Amino acid sequence: MTANMTIKAEEKNGVLVVPTRSIITAKDGDTSIRLVTNSKKKKWKEIPVAIGLEGDGGLTEITSGLNEGDEIVVLIKK
């Protein structure tokens, strides 16, 4: 016999989330994200952020350092 189940460890509503792949983790554990400063010239700067819950859907909660409506870099093609 088999069974399917969903285990909900924790849930929050009304939080700011970003794709996990957009978060940069340094060797010392500090996390940052690339904030777009000029979308026409494709300019960005790296800013420190604090992360919260990490979801299994590829999203991570940002608890500080980023505001709703900020434009971020998710992928840089080389």
PDB file of N, CA and C in Angstrom:
ATOM      1  N   MET A   1       0.831  -1.175   0.000  1.00  0.00           N
ATOM      2  CA  MET A   1       0.000   0.000   0.000  1.00  0.00           C
ATOM      3  C   MET A   1       0.885   1.252   0.000  1.00  0.00           C
ATOM      4  N   THR A   2       0.380   2.308  -0.583  1.00  0.00           N
ATOM      5  CA  THR A   2       1.080   3.595  -0.581  1.00  0.00           C
ATOM      6  C   THR A   2       0.130   4.672  -0.112  1.00  0.00           C
ATOM      7  N   ALA A   3       0.707   5.773   0.289  1.00  0.00           N
ATOM      8  CA  ALA A   3      -0.107   6.904   0.739  1.00  0.00           C
ATOM      9  C   ALA A   3       0.589   8.195   0.328  1.00  0.00           C
ATOM     10  N   ASN A   4      -0.187   9.210   0.041  1.00  0.00           N
ATOM     11  CA  ASN A   4       0.319  10.544  -0.243  1.00  0.00           C
ATOM     12  C   ASN A   4      -0.058  11.445   0.917  1.00  0.00           C
ATOM     13  N   MET A   5       0.891  12.280   1.337  1.00  0.00           N
ATOM     14  CA  MET A   5       0.587  13.207   2.417  1.00  0.00           C
ATOM     15  C   MET A   5       1.341  14.503   2.217  1.00  0.00           C
ATOM     16  N   THR A   6       0.825  15.552   2.813  1.00  0.00           N
ATOM     17  CA  THR A   6       1.467  16.850   2.810  1.00  0.00           C
ATOM     18  C   THR A   6       1.758  17.226   4.248  1.00  0.00           C
ATOM     19  N   ILE A   7       3.013  17.561   4.514  1.00  0.00           N
ATOM     20  CA  ILE A   7       3.404  17.969   5.858  1.00  0.00           C
ATOM     21  C   ILE A   7       3.715  19.450   5.813  1.00  0.00           C
ATOM     22  N   LYS A   8       2.983  20.220   6.575  1.00  0.00           N
ATOM     23  CA  LYS A   8       3.161  21.665   6.610  1.00  0.00           C
ATOM     24  C   LYS A   8       3.946  22.004   7.875  1.00  0.00           C
ATOM     25  N   ALA A   9       5.219  22.388   7.692  1.00  0.00           N
ATOM     26  CA  ALA A   9       6.078  22.690   8.833  1.00  0.00           C
ATOM     27  C   ALA A   9       5.762  24.065   9.419  1.00  0.00           C
ATOM     28  N   GLU A  10       5.591  25.050   8.548  1.00  0.00           N
ATOM     29  CA  GLU A  10       5.282  26.397   8.988  1.00  0.00           C
ATOM     30  C   GLU A  10       4.678  27.155   7.812  1.00  0.00           C
ATOM     31  N   GLU A  11       3.826  28.096   8.120  1.00  0.00           N
ATOM     32  CA  GLU A  11       3.180  28.886   7.072  1.00  0.00           C
ATOM     33  C   GLU A  11       3.077  30.323   7.527  1.00  0.00           C
ATOM     34  N   LYS A  12       3.339  31.256   6.590  1.00  0.00           N
ATOM     35  CA  LYS A  12       3.206  32.685   6.853  1.00  0.00           C
ATOM     36  C   LYS A  12       2.435  33.313   5.705  1.00  0.00           C
ATOM     37  N   ASN A  13       1.647  34.310   6.015  1.00  0.00           N
ATOM     38  CA  ASN A  13       0.895  35.045   4.999  1.00  0.00           C
ATOM     39  C   ASN A  13       1.426  36.469   4.902  1.00  0.00           C
ATOM     40  N   GLY A  14       1.324  37.066   3.726  1.00  0.00           N
ATOM     41  CA  GLY A  14       1.707  38.456   3.523  1.00  0.00           C
ATOM     42  C   GLY A  14       3.197  38.723   3.660  1.00  0.00           C
ATOM     43  N   VAL A  15       4.024  37.814   3.155  1.00  0.00           N
ATOM     44  CA  VAL A  15       5.474  37.994   3.240  1.00  0.00           C
ATOM     45  C   VAL A  15       6.048  38.312   1.858  1.00  0.00           C
ATOM     46  N   LEU A  16       7.238  38.859   1.848  1.00  0.00           N
ATOM     47  CA  LEU A  16       7.951  39.170   0.604  1.00  0.00           C
ATOM     48  C   LEU A  16       8.796  37.961   0.231  1.00  0.00           C
ATOM     49  N   VAL A  17       8.578  37.411  -0.958  1.00  0.00           N
ATOM     50  CA  VAL A  17       9.339  36.243  -1.403  1.00  0.00           C
ATOM     51  C   VAL A  17      10.006  36.534  -2.747  1.00  0.00           C
ATOM     52  N   VAL A  18      11.147  35.879  -2.959  1.00  0.00           N
ATOM     53  CA  VAL A  18      11.887  35.991  -4.215  1.00  0.00           C
ATOM     54  C   VAL A  18      12.287  34.581  -4.646  1.00  0.00           C
ATOM     55  N   PRO A  19      12.598  34.397  -5.925  1.00  0.00           N
ATOM     56  CA  PRO A  19      13.119  33.093  -6.343  1.00  0.00           C
ATOM     57  C   PRO A  19      14.422  32.785  -5.603  1.00  0.00           C
ATOM     58  N   THR A  20      14.554  31.587  -5.107  1.00  0.00           N
ATOM     59  CA  THR A  20      15.734  31.184  -4.349  1.00  0.00           C
ATOM     60  C   THR A  20      17.009  31.359  -5.163  1.00  0.00           C
ATOM     61  N   ARG A  21      16.934  31.130  -6.459  1.00  0.00           N
ATOM     62  CA  ARG A  21      18.136  31.241  -7.296  1.00  0.00           C
ATOM     63  C   ARG A  21      18.647  32.677  -7.418  1.00  0.00           C
ATOM     64  N   SER A  22      17.870  33.667  -7.003  1.00  0.00           N
ATOM     65  CA  SER A  22      18.331  35.050  -7.064  1.00  0.00           C
ATOM     66  C   SER A  22      19.144  35.445  -5.831  1.00  0.00           C
ATOM     67  N   ILE A  23      19.193  34.588  -4.816  1.00  0.00           N
ATOM     68  CA  ILE A  23      19.912  34.882  -3.579  1.00  0.00           C
ATOM     69  C   ILE A  23      21.353  34.392  -3.702  1.00  0.00           C
ATOM     70  N   ILE A  24      22.286  35.255  -3.328  1.00  0.00           N
ATOM     71  CA  ILE A  24      23.711  34.936  -3.379  1.00  0.00           C
ATOM     72  C   ILE A  24      24.172  34.693  -1.946  1.00  0.00           C
ATOM     73  N   THR A  25      24.765  33.528  -1.709  1.00  0.00           N
ATOM     74  CA  THR A  25      25.273  33.200  -0.381  1.00  0.00           C
ATOM     75  C   THR A  25      26.793  33.173  -0.421  1.00  0.00           C
ATOM     76  N   ALA A  26      27.408  34.010   0.413  1.00  0.00           N
ATOM     77  CA  ALA A  26      28.869  34.072   0.488  1.00  0.00           C
ATOM     78  C   ALA A  26      29.402  32.896   1.307  1.00  0.00           C
ATOM     79  N   LYS A  27      30.709  32.696   1.244  1.00  0.00           N
ATOM     80  CA  LYS A  27      31.340  31.603   1.985  1.00  0.00           C
ATOM     81  C   LYS A  27      31.136  31.739   3.489  1.00  0.00           C
ATOM     82  N   ASP A  28      31.031  32.986   3.972  1.00  0.00           N
ATOM     83  CA  ASP A  28      30.838  33.203   5.409  1.00  0.00           C
ATOM     84  C   ASP A  28      29.371  33.101   5.829  1.00  0.00           C
ATOM     85  N   GLY A  29      28.481  32.822   4.865  1.00  0.00           N
ATOM     86  CA  GLY A  29      27.065  32.639   5.172  1.00  0.00           C
ATOM     87  C   GLY A  29      26.202  33.866   4.960  1.00  0.00           C
ATOM     88  N   ASP A  30      26.832  35.016   4.705  1.00  0.00           N
ATOM     89  CA  ASP A  30      26.061  36.235   4.440  1.00  0.00           C
ATOM     90  C   ASP A  30      25.283  36.082   3.134  1.00  0.00           C
ATOM     91  N   THR A  31      24.075  36.638   3.100  1.00  0.00           N
ATOM     92  CA  THR A  31      23.245  36.555   1.899  1.00  0.00           C
ATOM     93  C   THR A  31      23.026  37.944   1.317  1.00  0.00           C
ATOM     94  N   SER A  32      22.972  37.995   0.005  1.00  0.00           N
ATOM     95  CA  SER A  32      22.721  39.255  -0.691  1.00  0.00           C
ATOM     96  C   SER A  32      21.898  38.978  -1.933  1.00  0.00           C
ATOM     97  N   ILE A  33      21.468  40.059  -2.545  1.00  0.00           N
ATOM     98  CA  ILE A  33      20.652  39.972  -3.752  1.00  0.00           C
ATOM     99  C   ILE A  33      21.060  41.128  -4.653  1.00  0.00           C
ATOM    100  N   ARG A  34      20.884  40.978  -5.951  1.00  0.00           N
ATOM    101  CA  ARG A  34      21.228  42.040  -6.898  1.00  0.00           C
ATOM    102  C   ARG A  34      19.986  42.891  -7.158  1.00  0.00           C
ATOM    103  N   LEU A  35      20.053  44.145  -6.735  1.00  0.00           N
ATOM    104  CA  LEU A  35      18.959  45.097  -6.892  1.00  0.00           C
ATOM    105  C   LEU A  35      19.201  45.925  -8.141  1.00  0.00           C
ATOM    106  N   VAL A  36      18.232  45.978  -9.037  1.00  0.00           N
ATOM    107  CA  VAL A  36      18.350  46.744 -10.281  1.00  0.00           C
ATOM    108  C   VAL A  36      18.276  48.232  -9.949  1.00  0.00           C
ATOM    109  N   THR A  37      19.299  48.981 -10.387  1.00  0.00           N
ATOM    110  CA  THR A  37      19.337  50.428 -10.159  1.00  0.00           C
ATOM    111  C   THR A  37      18.940  51.214 -11.404  1.00  0.00           C
ATOM    112  N   ASN A  38      19.171  50.618 -12.590  1.00  0.00           N
ATOM    113  CA  ASN A  38      18.800  51.261 -13.846  1.00  0.00           C
ATOM    114  C   ASN A  38      18.483  50.159 -14.849  1.00  0.00           C
ATOM    115  N   SER A  39      17.206  49.919 -15.086  1.00  0.00           N
ATOM    116  CA  SER A  39      16.815  48.809 -15.960  1.00  0.00           C
ATOM    117  C   SER A  39      17.155  49.068 -17.430  1.00  0.00           C
ATOM    118  N   LYS A  40      17.169  50.327 -17.862  1.00  0.00           N
ATOM    119  CA  LYS A  40      17.492  50.628 -19.256  1.00  0.00           C
ATOM    120  C   LYS A  40      18.961  50.349 -19.562  1.00  0.00           C
ATOM    121  N   LYS A  41      19.841  50.679 -18.617  1.00  0.00           N
ATOM    122  CA  LYS A  41      21.277  50.461 -18.812  1.00  0.00           C
ATOM    123  C   LYS A  41      21.737  49.125 -18.222  1.00  0.00           C
ATOM    124  N   LYS A  42      20.786  48.360 -17.693  1.00  0.00           N
ATOM    125  CA  LYS A  42      21.078  47.057 -17.085  1.00  0.00           C
ATOM    126  C   LYS A  42      22.122  47.172 -15.988  1.00  0.00           C
ATOM    127  N   LYS A  43      21.907  48.130 -15.085  1.00  0.00           N
ATOM    128  CA  LYS A  43      22.808  48.352 -13.953  1.00  0.00           C
ATOM    129  C   LYS A  43      22.160  47.801 -12.685  1.00  0.00           C
ATOM    130  N   TRP A  44      22.990  47.215 -11.820  1.00  0.00           N
ATOM    131  CA  TRP A  44      22.508  46.682 -10.557  1.00  0.00           C
ATOM    132  C   TRP A  44      23.587  46.812  -9.501  1.00  0.00           C
ATOM    133  N   LYS A  45      23.176  46.695  -8.247  1.00  0.00           N
ATOM    134  CA  LYS A  45      24.128  46.676  -7.144  1.00  0.00           C
ATOM    135  C   LYS A  45      23.732  45.551  -6.197  1.00  0.00           C
ATOM    136  N   GLU A  46      24.727  44.989  -5.548  1.00  0.00           N
ATOM    137  CA  GLU A  46      24.492  43.898  -4.629  1.00  0.00           C
ATOM    138  C   GLU A  46      24.197  44.469  -3.244  1.00  0.00           C
ATOM    139  N   ILE A  47      23.078  44.051  -2.645  1.00  0.00           N
ATOM    140  CA  ILE A  47      22.711  44.545  -1.317  1.00  0.00           C
ATOM    141  C   ILE A  47      22.509  43.357  -0.374  1.00  0.00           C
ATOM    142  N   PRO A  48      22.845  43.536   0.910  1.00  0.00           N
ATOM    143  CA  PRO A  48      22.637  42.444   1.868  1.00  0.00           C
ATOM    144  C   PRO A  48      21.156  42.284   2.191  1.00  0.00           C
ATOM    145  N   VAL A  49      20.733  41.047   2.365  1.00  0.00           N
ATOM    146  CA  VAL A  49      19.358  40.745   2.756  1.00  0.00           C
ATOM    147  C   VAL A  49      19.372  39.675   3.853  1.00  0.00           C
ATOM    148  N   ALA A  50      18.306  39.647   4.623  1.00  0.00           N
ATOM    149  CA  ALA A  50      18.106  38.591   5.615  1.00  0.00           C
ATOM    150  C   ALA A  50      16.988  37.698   5.106  1.00  0.00           C
ATOM    151  N   ILE A  51      17.193  36.400   5.167  1.00  0.00           N
ATOM    152  CA  ILE A  51      16.190  35.472   4.661  1.00  0.00           C
ATOM    153  C   ILE A  51      15.470  34.782   5.807  1.00  0.00           C
ATOM    154  N   GLY A  52      14.260  34.344   5.502  1.00  0.00           N
ATOM    155  CA  GLY A  52      13.441  33.630   6.480  1.00  0.00           C
ATOM    156  C   GLY A  52      13.202  32.213   6.006  1.00  0.00           C
ATOM    157  N   LEU A  53      11.934  31.872   5.868  1.00  0.00           N
ATOM    158  CA  LEU A  53      11.556  30.524   5.450  1.00  0.00           C
ATOM    159  C   LEU A  53      11.927  30.260   3.996  1.00  0.00           C
ATOM    160  N   GLU A  54      12.341  29.040   3.726  1.00  0.00           N
ATOM    161  CA  GLU A  54      12.617  28.613   2.356  1.00  0.00           C
ATOM    162  C   GLU A  54      11.562  27.592   1.973  1.00  0.00           C
ATOM    163  N   GLY A  55      10.821  27.873   0.900  1.00  0.00           N
ATOM    164  CA  GLY A  55       9.775  26.968   0.462  1.00  0.00           C
ATOM    165  C   GLY A  55      10.298  25.929  -0.504  1.00  0.00           C
ATOM    166  N   ASP A  56       9.545  24.851  -0.655  1.00  0.00           N
ATOM    167  CA  ASP A  56       9.952  23.805  -1.590  1.00  0.00           C
ATOM    168  C   ASP A  56       9.563  24.142  -3.023  1.00  0.00           C
ATOM    169  N   GLY A  57       8.894  25.255  -3.232  1.00  0.00           N
ATOM    170  CA  GLY A  57       8.492  25.675  -4.567  1.00  0.00           C
ATOM    171  C   GLY A  57       9.490  26.606  -5.227  1.00  0.00           C
ATOM    172  N   GLY A  58      10.705  26.715  -4.671  1.00  0.00           N
ATOM    173  CA  GLY A  58      11.716  27.573  -5.269  1.00  0.00           C
ATOM    174  C   GLY A  58      11.635  29.019  -4.842  1.00  0.00           C
ATOM    175  N   LEU A  59      10.911  29.305  -3.755  1.00  0.00           N
ATOM    176  CA  LEU A  59      10.792  30.669  -3.260  1.00  0.00           C
ATOM    177  C   LEU A  59      11.358  30.763  -1.850  1.00  0.00           C
ATOM    178  N   THR A  60      11.939  31.935  -1.530  1.00  0.00           N
ATOM    179  CA  THR A  60      12.508  32.177  -0.208  1.00  0.00           C
ATOM    180  C   THR A  60      11.995  33.507   0.323  1.00  0.00           C
ATOM    181  N   GLU A  61      11.665  33.536   1.590  1.00  0.00           N
ATOM    182  CA  GLU A  61      11.178  34.749   2.247  1.00  0.00           C
ATOM    183  C   GLU A  61      12.343  35.700   2.512  1.00  0.00           C
ATOM    184  N   ILE A  62      12.121  36.990   2.250  1.00  0.00           N
ATOM    185  CA  ILE A  62      13.090  38.041   2.566  1.00  0.00           C
ATOM    186  C   ILE A  62      12.527  38.819   3.752  1.00  0.00           C
ATOM    187  N   THR A  63      13.247  38.808   4.875  1.00  0.00           N
ATOM    188  CA  THR A  63      12.749  39.473   6.079  1.00  0.00           C
ATOM    189  C   THR A  63      13.233  40.910   6.211  1.00  0.00           C
ATOM    190  N   SER A  64      14.379  41.247   5.582  1.00  0.00           N
ATOM    191  CA  SER A  64      14.846  42.632   5.584  1.00  0.00           C
ATOM    192  C   SER A  64      15.851  42.858   4.456  1.00  0.00           C
ATOM    193  N   GLY A  65      15.950  44.127   4.053  1.00  0.00           N
ATOM    194  CA  GLY A  65      16.904  44.500   3.019  1.00  0.00           C
ATOM    195  C   GLY A  65      16.291  44.768   1.660  1.00  0.00           C
ATOM    196  N   LEU A  66      15.048  44.355   1.458  1.00  0.00           N
ATOM    197  CA  LEU A  66      14.374  44.506   0.171  1.00  0.00           C
ATOM    198  C   LEU A  66      12.956  44.994   0.425  1.00  0.00           C
ATOM    199  N   ASN A  67      12.424  45.782  -0.485  1.00  0.00           N
ATOM    200  CA  ASN A  67      11.073  46.305  -0.340  1.00  0.00           C
ATOM    201  C   ASN A  67      10.174  45.777  -1.446  1.00  0.00           C
ATOM    202  N   GLU A  68       8.892  45.751  -1.176  1.00  0.00           N
ATOM    203  CA  GLU A  68       7.919  45.346  -2.191  1.00  0.00           C
ATOM    204  C   GLU A  68       8.025  46.295  -3.379  1.00  0.00           C
ATOM    205  N   GLY A  69       8.066  45.727  -4.579  1.00  0.00           N
ATOM    206  CA  GLY A  69       8.163  46.523  -5.794  1.00  0.00           C
ATOM    207  C   GLY A  69       9.584  46.700  -6.303  1.00  0.00           C
ATOM    208  N   ASP A  70      10.588  46.360  -5.489  1.00  0.00           N
ATOM    209  CA  ASP A  70      11.982  46.435  -5.947  1.00  0.00           C
ATOM    210  C   ASP A  70      12.194  45.423  -7.070  1.00  0.00           C
ATOM    211  N   GLU A  71      12.962  45.820  -8.061  1.00  0.00           N
ATOM    212  CA  GLU A  71      13.285  44.942  -9.181  1.00  0.00           C
ATOM    213  C   GLU A  71      14.638  44.285  -8.910  1.00  0.00           C
ATOM    214  N   ILE A  72      14.683  42.957  -9.049  1.00  0.00           N
ATOM    215  CA  ILE A  72      15.911  42.222  -8.756  1.00  0.00           C
ATOM    216  C   ILE A  72      16.374  41.432  -9.969  1.00  0.00           C
ATOM    217  N   VAL A  73      17.643  41.039  -9.929  1.00  0.00           N
ATOM    218  CA  VAL A  73      18.219  40.203 -10.986  1.00  0.00           C
ATOM    219  C   VAL A  73      18.071  38.754 -10.558  1.00  0.00           C
ATOM    220  N   VAL A  74      17.484  37.947 -11.419  1.00  0.00           N
ATOM    221  CA  VAL A  74      17.315  36.519 -11.124  1.00  0.00           C
ATOM    222  C   VAL A  74      18.379  35.708 -11.843  1.00  0.00           C
ATOM    223  N   LEU A  75      18.753  36.112 -13.041  1.00  0.00           N
ATOM    224  CA  LEU A  75      19.704  35.353 -13.845  1.00  0.00           C
ATOM    225  C   LEU A  75      20.544  36.297 -14.686  1.00  0.00           C
ATOM    226  N   ILE A  76      21.851  36.020 -14.757  1.00  0.00           N
ATOM    227  CA  ILE A  76      22.743  36.788 -15.621  1.00  0.00           C
ATOM    228  C   ILE A  76      23.300  35.821 -16.656  1.00  0.00           C
ATOM    229  N   LYS A  77      23.010  36.081 -17.924  1.00  0.00           N
ATOM    230  CA  LYS A  77      23.551  35.247 -18.997  1.00  0.00           C
ATOM    231  C   LYS A  77      24.983  35.656 -19.254  1.00  0.00           C
ATOM    232  N   LYS A  78      25.841  34.667 -19.417  1.00  0.00           N
ATOM    233  CA  LYS A  78      27.241  34.968 -19.691  1.00  0.00           C
ATOM    234  C   LYS A  78      27.564  34.711 -21.142  1.00  0.00           C
TER     235      LYS A  78
END
